Amino acid sequence: MISLSSYAFVSMILFSIGVVGVIARRNIFVIYMSIEMMLNGVNLFLATFARYHFNMDPQVITVIVISIAAAEAAIFLSAIILLYRSKKSLDTDIFTSLSQGENK
């Protein structure tokens, strides 16, 4: 049987990899995937403690977070497509100004 600390360790590793991805990368898509990895780490942590304490409340919160993340994914990916079409790159250094009047 896998212990609670093993699941907590995996969730902390997922969250830590996500934080490093957000801080170290410059591609918007990679940053987005790192944010999603952080969200999955938190969800695993919530589900682990829900199972450990035999309580359904954190599992309900996890399902709600997953459904909100699905809607957020559609919006964020459409924003990435619009940014790519306007600047022809996904490098975060290019997106210093988001006004339409400025052509760089």
N, C-alpha and C. Protein backbone atom coordinates (compact mmCIF):
# COMPACT_ATOMS: atom_id res chain seq x y z
N MET A 1 0.84 -1.18 0.00
CA MET A 1 0.00 0.00 0.00
C MET A 1 0.89 1.24 0.00
N ILE A 2 0.54 2.19 -0.84
CA ILE A 2 1.30 3.43 -0.93
C ILE A 2 0.84 4.38 0.17
N SER A 3 1.79 5.00 0.85
CA SER A 3 1.46 5.83 2.00
C SER A 3 1.05 7.25 1.59
N LEU A 4 0.52 7.95 2.55
CA LEU A 4 0.12 9.34 2.35
C LEU A 4 1.31 10.22 1.99
N SER A 5 2.42 9.98 2.62
CA SER A 5 3.60 10.81 2.35
C SER A 5 4.11 10.64 0.92
N SER A 6 3.93 9.45 0.34
CA SER A 6 4.34 9.25 -1.05
C SER A 6 3.52 10.11 -2.00
N TYR A 7 2.21 10.13 -1.80
CA TYR A 7 1.35 10.97 -2.64
C TYR A 7 1.65 12.45 -2.41
N ALA A 8 1.87 12.83 -1.17
CA ALA A 8 2.20 14.23 -0.87
C ALA A 8 3.53 14.61 -1.52
N PHE A 9 4.49 13.71 -1.51
CA PHE A 9 5.78 13.97 -2.14
C PHE A 9 5.63 14.15 -3.65
N VAL A 10 4.85 13.29 -4.29
CA VAL A 10 4.63 13.41 -5.73
C VAL A 10 3.93 14.72 -6.06
N SER A 11 2.94 15.09 -5.25
CA SER A 11 2.24 16.35 -5.53
C SER A 11 3.17 17.55 -5.34
N MET A 12 4.05 17.50 -4.35
CA MET A 12 5.01 18.59 -4.16
C MET A 12 6.02 18.66 -5.30
N ILE A 13 6.42 17.50 -5.80
CA ILE A 13 7.34 17.47 -6.95
C ILE A 13 6.65 18.06 -8.18
N LEU A 14 5.40 17.69 -8.43
CA LEU A 14 4.66 18.26 -9.56
C LEU A 14 4.56 19.78 -9.44
N PHE A 15 4.19 20.24 -8.26
CA PHE A 15 4.07 21.68 -8.06
C PHE A 15 5.42 22.38 -8.24
N SER A 16 6.50 21.79 -7.73
CA SER A 16 7.82 22.39 -7.85
C SER A 16 8.30 22.45 -9.29
N ILE A 17 8.04 21.40 -10.05
CA ILE A 17 8.41 21.41 -11.48
C ILE A 17 7.62 22.50 -12.20
N GLY A 18 6.36 22.66 -11.84
CA GLY A 18 5.56 23.72 -12.44
C GLY A 18 6.09 25.10 -12.12
N VAL A 19 6.50 25.32 -10.88
CA VAL A 19 7.05 26.63 -10.48
C VAL A 19 8.34 26.91 -11.25
N VAL A 20 9.20 25.92 -11.36
CA VAL A 20 10.44 26.10 -12.11
C VAL A 20 10.14 26.40 -13.58
N GLY A 21 9.14 25.72 -14.14
CA GLY A 21 8.76 25.98 -15.53
C GLY A 21 8.24 27.39 -15.74
N VAL A 22 7.46 27.90 -14.80
CA VAL A 22 6.93 29.27 -14.92
C VAL A 22 8.06 30.29 -14.80
N ILE A 23 8.99 30.05 -13.90
CA ILE A 23 10.06 31.02 -13.67
C ILE A 23 11.13 30.97 -14.76
N ALA A 24 11.50 29.77 -15.21
CA ALA A 24 12.66 29.62 -16.08
C ALA A 24 12.35 29.72 -17.57
N ARG A 25 11.15 29.44 -17.99
CA ARG A 25 10.85 29.40 -19.42
C ARG A 25 10.37 30.73 -19.95
N ARG A 26 10.50 30.92 -21.26
CA ARG A 26 10.07 32.16 -21.90
C ARG A 26 8.97 31.93 -22.92
N ASN A 27 8.67 30.70 -23.26
CA ASN A 27 7.61 30.39 -24.21
C ASN A 27 6.27 30.40 -23.47
N ILE A 28 5.30 31.11 -24.01
CA ILE A 28 4.01 31.24 -23.33
C ILE A 28 3.33 29.89 -23.19
N PHE A 29 3.42 29.03 -24.19
CA PHE A 29 2.77 27.73 -24.13
C PHE A 29 3.39 26.86 -23.03
N VAL A 30 4.70 26.89 -22.89
CA VAL A 30 5.38 26.12 -21.84
C VAL A 30 5.00 26.66 -20.47
N ILE A 31 4.89 27.98 -20.36
CA ILE A 31 4.46 28.57 -19.09
C ILE A 31 3.05 28.13 -18.75
N TYR A 32 2.18 28.10 -19.73
CA TYR A 32 0.81 27.64 -19.51
C TYR A 32 0.79 26.18 -19.04
N MET A 33 1.57 25.33 -19.68
CA MET A 33 1.61 23.92 -19.28
C MET A 33 2.19 23.78 -17.87
N SER A 34 3.12 24.63 -17.50
CA SER A 34 3.67 24.61 -16.14
C SER A 34 2.62 25.01 -15.12
N ILE A 35 1.80 25.99 -15.45
CA ILE A 35 0.70 26.38 -14.56
C ILE A 35 -0.28 25.24 -14.39
N GLU A 36 -0.57 24.54 -15.46
CA GLU A 36 -1.47 23.38 -15.37
C GLU A 36 -0.86 22.27 -14.52
N MET A 37 0.46 22.10 -14.60
CA MET A 37 1.12 21.09 -13.77
C MET A 37 1.03 21.47 -12.30
N MET A 38 1.17 22.76 -12.01
CA MET A 38 1.01 23.21 -10.63
C MET A 38 -0.41 22.94 -10.13
N LEU A 39 -1.39 23.19 -10.98
CA LEU A 39 -2.78 22.92 -10.61
C LEU A 39 -3.00 21.44 -10.34
N ASN A 40 -2.40 20.58 -11.15
CA ASN A 40 -2.54 19.14 -10.94
C ASN A 40 -1.86 18.68 -9.65
N GLY A 41 -0.75 19.32 -9.31
CA GLY A 41 -0.10 19.00 -8.04
C GLY A 41 -0.99 19.35 -6.86
N VAL A 42 -1.63 20.50 -6.91
CA VAL A 42 -2.55 20.90 -5.84
C VAL A 42 -3.76 19.97 -5.79
N ASN A 43 -4.27 19.59 -6.95
CA ASN A 43 -5.42 18.67 -6.99
C ASN A 43 -5.06 17.31 -6.39
N LEU A 44 -3.89 16.81 -6.71
CA LEU A 44 -3.46 15.53 -6.14
C LEU A 44 -3.31 15.64 -4.63
N PHE A 45 -2.79 16.77 -4.16
CA PHE A 45 -2.63 16.99 -2.73
C PHE A 45 -4.00 17.02 -2.03
N LEU A 46 -4.97 17.71 -2.63
CA LEU A 46 -6.31 17.76 -2.05
C LEU A 46 -6.97 16.38 -2.04
N ALA A 47 -6.85 15.66 -3.14
CA ALA A 47 -7.46 14.33 -3.20
C ALA A 47 -6.80 13.36 -2.23
N THR A 48 -5.50 13.50 -2.04
CA THR A 48 -4.78 12.64 -1.09
C THR A 48 -5.28 12.85 0.33
N PHE A 49 -5.38 14.09 0.74
CA PHE A 49 -5.84 14.34 2.10
C PHE A 49 -7.32 14.06 2.27
N ALA A 50 -8.09 14.17 1.21
CA ALA A 50 -9.50 13.79 1.29
C ALA A 50 -9.62 12.29 1.52
N ARG A 51 -8.81 11.53 0.84
CA ARG A 51 -8.83 10.08 1.02
C ARG A 51 -8.31 9.68 2.41
N TYR A 52 -7.31 10.38 2.87
CA TYR A 52 -6.71 10.06 4.17
C TYR A 52 -7.69 10.34 5.32
N HIS A 53 -8.43 11.44 5.21
CA HIS A 53 -9.35 11.83 6.28
C HIS A 53 -10.78 11.34 6.04
N PHE A 54 -11.00 10.58 4.98
CA PHE A 54 -12.33 10.05 4.63
C PHE A 54 -13.37 11.17 4.57
N ASN A 55 -13.00 12.24 3.90
CA ASN A 55 -13.86 13.40 3.75
C ASN A 55 -14.02 13.69 2.26
N MET A 56 -15.23 13.99 1.83
CA MET A 56 -15.48 14.22 0.41
C MET A 56 -15.32 15.68 0.01
N ASP A 57 -15.25 16.61 0.95
CA ASP A 57 -15.19 18.03 0.59
C ASP A 57 -13.99 18.38 -0.29
N PRO A 58 -12.77 17.98 0.03
CA PRO A 58 -11.65 18.32 -0.87
C PRO A 58 -11.77 17.65 -2.24
N GLN A 59 -12.40 16.48 -2.31
CA GLN A 59 -12.58 15.85 -3.61
C GLN A 59 -13.56 16.62 -4.47
N VAL A 60 -14.58 17.18 -3.85
CA VAL A 60 -15.53 18.02 -4.58
C VAL A 60 -14.82 19.28 -5.08
N ILE A 61 -14.00 19.87 -4.24
CA ILE A 61 -13.23 21.05 -4.65
C ILE A 61 -12.30 20.70 -5.81
N THR A 62 -11.70 19.51 -5.77
CA THR A 62 -10.82 19.07 -6.84
C THR A 62 -11.57 18.95 -8.16
N VAL A 63 -12.76 18.38 -8.14
CA VAL A 63 -13.56 18.26 -9.36
C VAL A 63 -13.95 19.64 -9.89
N ILE A 64 -14.28 20.56 -9.00
CA ILE A 64 -14.62 21.91 -9.43
C ILE A 64 -13.40 22.59 -10.05
N VAL A 65 -12.23 22.42 -9.45
CA VAL A 65 -11.01 23.02 -9.99
C VAL A 65 -10.68 22.43 -11.36
N ILE A 66 -10.88 21.14 -11.54
CA ILE A 66 -10.62 20.51 -12.84
C ILE A 66 -11.57 21.05 -13.89
N SER A 67 -12.84 21.24 -13.55
CA SER A 67 -13.79 21.76 -14.53
C SER A 67 -13.50 23.22 -14.87
N ILE A 68 -13.10 24.01 -13.89
CA ILE A 68 -12.72 25.40 -14.17
C ILE A 68 -11.45 25.44 -15.01
N ALA A 69 -10.52 24.54 -14.76
CA ALA A 69 -9.27 24.49 -15.54
C ALA A 69 -9.56 24.12 -17.00
N ALA A 70 -10.58 23.31 -17.24
CA ALA A 70 -10.93 22.97 -18.62
C ALA A 70 -11.44 24.20 -19.37
N ALA A 71 -12.28 24.99 -18.71
CA ALA A 71 -12.76 26.22 -19.33
C ALA A 71 -11.63 27.22 -19.51
N GLU A 72 -10.76 27.30 -18.52
CA GLU A 72 -9.61 28.20 -18.60
C GLU A 72 -8.67 27.79 -19.71
N ALA A 73 -8.54 26.51 -19.95
CA ALA A 73 -7.66 26.02 -21.03
C ALA A 73 -8.15 26.51 -22.39
N ALA A 74 -9.45 26.45 -22.61
CA ALA A 74 -9.99 26.90 -23.89
C ALA A 74 -9.73 28.40 -24.09
N ILE A 75 -9.94 29.18 -23.06
CA ILE A 75 -9.73 30.63 -23.17
C ILE A 75 -8.25 30.95 -23.35
N PHE A 76 -7.40 30.32 -22.56
CA PHE A 76 -5.97 30.62 -22.62
C PHE A 76 -5.37 30.17 -23.95
N LEU A 77 -5.77 29.03 -24.46
CA LEU A 77 -5.23 28.57 -25.74
C LEU A 77 -5.70 29.46 -26.88
N SER A 78 -6.93 29.96 -26.82
CA SER A 78 -7.36 30.90 -27.86
C SER A 78 -6.58 32.22 -27.76
N ALA A 79 -6.27 32.65 -26.55
CA ALA A 79 -5.44 33.85 -26.39
C ALA A 79 -4.04 33.62 -26.94
N ILE A 80 -3.48 32.42 -26.72
CA ILE A 80 -2.16 32.11 -27.27
C ILE A 80 -2.19 32.16 -28.79
N ILE A 81 -3.24 31.64 -29.40
CA ILE A 81 -3.36 31.67 -30.86
C ILE A 81 -3.44 33.11 -31.36
N LEU A 82 -4.22 33.95 -30.69
CA LEU A 82 -4.32 35.35 -31.10
C LEU A 82 -2.98 36.08 -30.95
N LEU A 83 -2.28 35.82 -29.85
CA LEU A 83 -0.97 36.46 -29.67
C LEU A 83 0.03 35.99 -30.72
N TYR A 84 -0.01 34.71 -31.06
CA TYR A 84 0.90 34.19 -32.08
C TYR A 84 0.59 34.80 -33.45
N ARG A 85 -0.68 34.94 -33.75
CA ARG A 85 -1.05 35.54 -35.04
C ARG A 85 -0.62 36.99 -35.14
N SER A 86 -0.65 37.71 -34.02
CA SER A 86 -0.29 39.13 -34.09
C SER A 86 1.22 39.34 -34.08
N LYS A 87 1.97 38.55 -33.36
CA LYS A 87 3.42 38.78 -33.22
C LYS A 87 4.29 37.73 -33.92
N LYS A 88 3.71 36.63 -34.36
CA LYS A 88 4.43 35.52 -35.04
C LYS A 88 5.50 34.89 -34.16
N SER A 89 5.31 34.94 -32.85
CA SER A 89 6.22 34.32 -31.91
C SER A 89 5.50 34.10 -30.59
N LEU A 90 6.00 33.15 -29.80
CA LEU A 90 5.44 32.90 -28.48
C LEU A 90 6.42 33.26 -27.37
N ASP A 91 7.46 34.00 -27.70
CA ASP A 91 8.44 34.44 -26.72
C ASP A 91 7.85 35.55 -25.86
N THR A 92 7.97 35.46 -24.55
CA THR A 92 7.34 36.42 -23.65
C THR A 92 7.98 37.80 -23.71
N ASP A 93 9.21 37.91 -24.18
CA ASP A 93 9.86 39.21 -24.27
C ASP A 93 9.21 40.11 -25.33
N ILE A 94 8.55 39.51 -26.30
CA ILE A 94 7.91 40.29 -27.36
C ILE A 94 6.63 40.95 -26.85
N PHE A 95 5.99 40.35 -25.86
CA PHE A 95 4.69 40.82 -25.40
C PHE A 95 4.80 41.83 -24.27
N THR A 96 5.64 42.83 -24.44
CA THR A 96 5.74 43.87 -23.41
C THR A 96 4.58 44.84 -23.49
N SER A 97 4.04 45.01 -24.67
CA SER A 97 2.89 45.89 -24.86
C SER A 97 1.82 45.13 -25.62
N LEU A 98 0.61 45.17 -25.11
CA LEU A 98 -0.48 44.45 -25.76
C LEU A 98 -1.44 45.38 -26.49
N SER A 99 -1.06 46.63 -26.69
CA SER A 99 -1.94 47.54 -27.42
C SER A 99 -1.88 47.24 -28.91
N GLN A 100 -3.01 47.48 -29.60
CA GLN A 100 -3.08 47.16 -31.03
C GLN A 100 -2.42 48.22 -31.88
N GLY A 101 -2.31 49.42 -31.38
CA GLY A 101 -1.74 50.49 -32.17
C GLY A 101 -0.24 50.39 -32.35
N GLU A 102 0.42 49.68 -31.50
CA GLU A 102 1.88 49.59 -31.54
C GLU A 102 2.30 48.42 -32.44
N ASN A 103 3.16 48.70 -33.40
CA ASN A 103 3.65 47.66 -34.31
C ASN A 103 5.14 47.43 -34.05
N LYS A 104 5.46 46.33 -33.46
CA LYS A 104 6.87 45.97 -33.22
C LYS A 104 7.16 44.65 -33.84
